[in-house]
Amino acid sequence: MSLCYDRDYIRNQRGEPIGYTTQNGAQTHLWTMSGKRLGQYDAHSNMTQDVSGRFVGKGNILLTLLRP
């Protein structure tokens, strides 16, 4: 079984895509444009974690993990 996730693109001030998010149930994942996962947000626990599973903060603060 293959899963397909819709991508929500994140753009810089010039309108260029710099990353994207995907949704899988209560999980939102943040990716670079090269496909590297940076972290995830869990809506049930209201927690954001980096790719290593370390706690980043409460709420969806995934964009803080995206560096230009």
N, C-alpha and C. Protein backbone atom coordinates (compact mmCIF):
# COMPACT_ATOMS: atom_id res chain seq x y z
N MET A 1 0.85 -1.18 0.00
CA MET A 1 0.00 0.00 0.00
C MET A 1 0.88 1.23 0.00
N SER A 2 0.60 2.16 -0.87
CA SER A 2 1.38 3.38 -0.92
C SER A 2 0.52 4.56 -0.48
N LEU A 3 1.13 5.43 0.28
CA LEU A 3 0.42 6.60 0.78
C LEU A 3 0.87 7.83 0.02
N CYS A 4 -0.05 8.72 -0.24
CA CYS A 4 0.25 9.96 -0.93
C CYS A 4 -0.13 11.11 -0.01
N TYR A 5 0.79 12.00 0.23
CA TYR A 5 0.54 13.13 1.11
C TYR A 5 0.52 14.42 0.30
N ASP A 6 -0.45 15.27 0.57
CA ASP A 6 -0.46 16.58 -0.05
C ASP A 6 0.60 17.43 0.62
N ARG A 7 1.24 18.24 -0.17
CA ARG A 7 2.29 19.13 0.34
C ARG A 7 1.74 20.55 0.43
N ASP A 8 1.99 21.19 1.57
CA ASP A 8 1.72 22.61 1.73
C ASP A 8 3.07 23.31 1.72
N TYR A 9 3.32 24.10 0.67
CA TYR A 9 4.63 24.71 0.49
C TYR A 9 4.78 25.96 1.34
N ILE A 10 5.99 26.15 1.85
CA ILE A 10 6.37 27.33 2.61
C ILE A 10 7.28 28.14 1.71
N ARG A 11 6.99 29.42 1.58
CA ARG A 11 7.74 30.26 0.64
C ARG A 11 8.44 31.41 1.36
N ASN A 12 9.57 31.83 0.78
CA ASN A 12 10.29 32.97 1.34
C ASN A 12 9.66 34.26 0.83
N GLN A 13 10.28 35.39 1.16
CA GLN A 13 9.72 36.70 0.78
C GLN A 13 9.67 36.91 -0.72
N ARG A 14 10.50 36.19 -1.47
CA ARG A 14 10.50 36.30 -2.94
C ARG A 14 9.53 35.33 -3.59
N GLY A 15 8.82 34.55 -2.77
CA GLY A 15 7.85 33.60 -3.30
C GLY A 15 8.43 32.26 -3.69
N GLU A 16 9.70 32.04 -3.38
CA GLU A 16 10.36 30.78 -3.72
C GLU A 16 10.08 29.75 -2.63
N PRO A 17 9.77 28.51 -3.01
CA PRO A 17 9.53 27.48 -2.00
C PRO A 17 10.83 27.14 -1.27
N ILE A 18 10.75 27.10 0.07
CA ILE A 18 11.93 26.78 0.88
C ILE A 18 11.70 25.53 1.73
N GLY A 19 10.50 25.00 1.70
CA GLY A 19 10.17 23.80 2.45
C GLY A 19 8.71 23.47 2.26
N TYR A 20 8.27 22.39 2.91
CA TYR A 20 6.86 22.03 2.83
C TYR A 20 6.48 21.19 4.03
N THR A 21 5.18 21.11 4.28
CA THR A 21 4.66 20.26 5.35
C THR A 21 3.76 19.20 4.73
N THR A 22 3.69 18.06 5.42
CA THR A 22 2.76 17.00 5.07
C THR A 22 1.98 16.64 6.32
N GLN A 23 0.77 16.17 6.12
CA GLN A 23 -0.13 15.82 7.22
C GLN A 23 -0.40 14.33 7.19
N ASN A 24 -0.33 13.69 8.36
CA ASN A 24 -0.64 12.28 8.48
C ASN A 24 -1.44 12.12 9.78
N GLY A 25 -2.75 12.21 9.69
CA GLY A 25 -3.58 12.18 10.89
C GLY A 25 -3.32 13.41 11.73
N ALA A 26 -2.95 13.21 12.99
CA ALA A 26 -2.67 14.32 13.91
C ALA A 26 -1.23 14.82 13.79
N GLN A 27 -0.44 14.18 12.94
CA GLN A 27 0.97 14.54 12.78
C GLN A 27 1.18 15.45 11.58
N THR A 28 1.93 16.52 11.78
CA THR A 28 2.37 17.39 10.70
C THR A 28 3.88 17.31 10.65
N HIS A 29 4.43 17.01 9.47
CA HIS A 29 5.88 16.87 9.30
C HIS A 29 6.39 18.03 8.46
N LEU A 30 7.58 18.53 8.82
CA LEU A 30 8.23 19.61 8.09
C LEU A 30 9.41 19.05 7.32
N TRP A 31 9.52 19.42 6.03
CA TRP A 31 10.56 18.93 5.14
C TRP A 31 11.26 20.09 4.45
N THR A 32 12.54 19.90 4.12
CA THR A 32 13.24 20.85 3.26
C THR A 32 12.84 20.54 1.82
N MET A 33 13.18 21.42 0.92
CA MET A 33 12.85 21.17 -0.49
C MET A 33 13.65 19.99 -1.05
N SER A 34 14.76 19.65 -0.41
CA SER A 34 15.53 18.49 -0.87
C SER A 34 15.02 17.18 -0.29
N GLY A 35 13.96 17.25 0.53
CA GLY A 35 13.35 16.04 1.06
C GLY A 35 13.85 15.59 2.42
N LYS A 36 14.63 16.43 3.11
CA LYS A 36 15.11 16.09 4.44
C LYS A 36 14.05 16.47 5.47
N ARG A 37 13.66 15.52 6.33
CA ARG A 37 12.67 15.82 7.36
C ARG A 37 13.35 16.58 8.49
N LEU A 38 12.71 17.68 8.93
CA LEU A 38 13.28 18.52 9.99
C LEU A 38 12.62 18.31 11.34
N GLY A 39 11.36 17.92 11.34
CA GLY A 39 10.67 17.73 12.61
C GLY A 39 9.20 17.42 12.41
N GLN A 40 8.50 17.34 13.55
CA GLN A 40 7.07 17.04 13.48
C GLN A 40 6.32 17.71 14.61
N TYR A 41 5.05 17.94 14.36
CA TYR A 41 4.13 18.48 15.36
C TYR A 41 3.01 17.46 15.55
N ASP A 42 2.69 17.17 16.81
CA ASP A 42 1.60 16.25 17.14
C ASP A 42 0.46 17.05 17.75
N ALA A 43 -0.67 17.08 17.08
CA ALA A 43 -1.82 17.87 17.54
C ALA A 43 -2.42 17.32 18.83
N HIS A 44 -2.31 16.01 19.05
CA HIS A 44 -2.87 15.41 20.26
C HIS A 44 -2.11 15.85 21.50
N SER A 45 -0.79 15.87 21.42
CA SER A 45 0.02 16.28 22.57
C SER A 45 0.34 17.77 22.54
N ASN A 46 0.06 18.43 21.40
CA ASN A 46 0.36 19.86 21.21
C ASN A 46 1.85 20.13 21.38
N MET A 47 2.68 19.21 20.88
CA MET A 47 4.14 19.33 21.01
C MET A 47 4.83 19.28 19.65
N THR A 48 5.88 20.09 19.53
CA THR A 48 6.74 20.06 18.35
C THR A 48 8.06 19.42 18.75
N GLN A 49 8.55 18.51 17.89
CA GLN A 49 9.83 17.84 18.11
C GLN A 49 10.70 18.00 16.88
N ASP A 50 12.03 18.02 17.08
CA ASP A 50 12.91 18.03 15.92
C ASP A 50 13.04 16.62 15.36
N VAL A 51 13.84 16.46 14.33
CA VAL A 51 13.95 15.17 13.66
C VAL A 51 14.52 14.09 14.57
N SER A 52 15.26 14.47 15.60
CA SER A 52 15.83 13.51 16.55
C SER A 52 14.86 13.15 17.67
N GLY A 53 13.68 13.76 17.67
CA GLY A 53 12.69 13.49 18.69
C GLY A 53 12.81 14.37 19.92
N ARG A 54 13.71 15.35 19.88
CA ARG A 54 13.87 16.26 21.01
C ARG A 54 12.74 17.28 21.04
N PHE A 55 12.25 17.57 22.23
CA PHE A 55 11.18 18.54 22.43
C PHE A 55 11.66 19.92 22.02
N VAL A 56 10.89 20.59 21.17
CA VAL A 56 11.21 21.95 20.73
C VAL A 56 10.34 22.95 21.47
N GLY A 57 9.04 22.64 21.60
CA GLY A 57 8.15 23.54 22.31
C GLY A 57 6.70 23.11 22.19
N LYS A 58 5.86 23.80 22.92
CA LYS A 58 4.42 23.56 22.87
C LYS A 58 3.83 24.30 21.68
N GLY A 59 2.81 23.70 21.08
CA GLY A 59 2.17 24.30 19.92
C GLY A 59 2.91 23.95 18.64
N ASN A 60 2.35 24.35 17.52
CA ASN A 60 2.96 24.09 16.22
C ASN A 60 3.96 25.19 15.91
N ILE A 61 5.22 24.93 16.24
CA ILE A 61 6.29 25.90 15.96
C ILE A 61 7.31 25.30 14.99
N LEU A 62 6.81 24.50 14.05
CA LEU A 62 7.68 23.84 13.08
C LEU A 62 8.53 24.83 12.28
N LEU A 63 7.99 25.98 11.96
CA LEU A 63 8.72 26.92 11.12
C LEU A 63 10.02 27.41 11.76
N THR A 64 10.12 27.29 13.09
CA THR A 64 11.38 27.67 13.75
C THR A 64 12.51 26.72 13.38
N LEU A 65 12.19 25.54 12.89
CA LEU A 65 13.21 24.56 12.49
C LEU A 65 13.73 24.79 11.08
N LEU A 66 13.03 25.61 10.31
CA LEU A 66 13.39 25.83 8.90
C LEU A 66 14.37 27.00 8.80
N ARG A 67 15.55 26.71 8.32
CA ARG A 67 16.58 27.73 8.16
C ARG A 67 16.68 28.11 6.68
N PRO A 68 16.87 29.40 6.40
CA PRO A 68 17.00 29.82 5.00
C PRO A 68 18.23 29.27 4.31
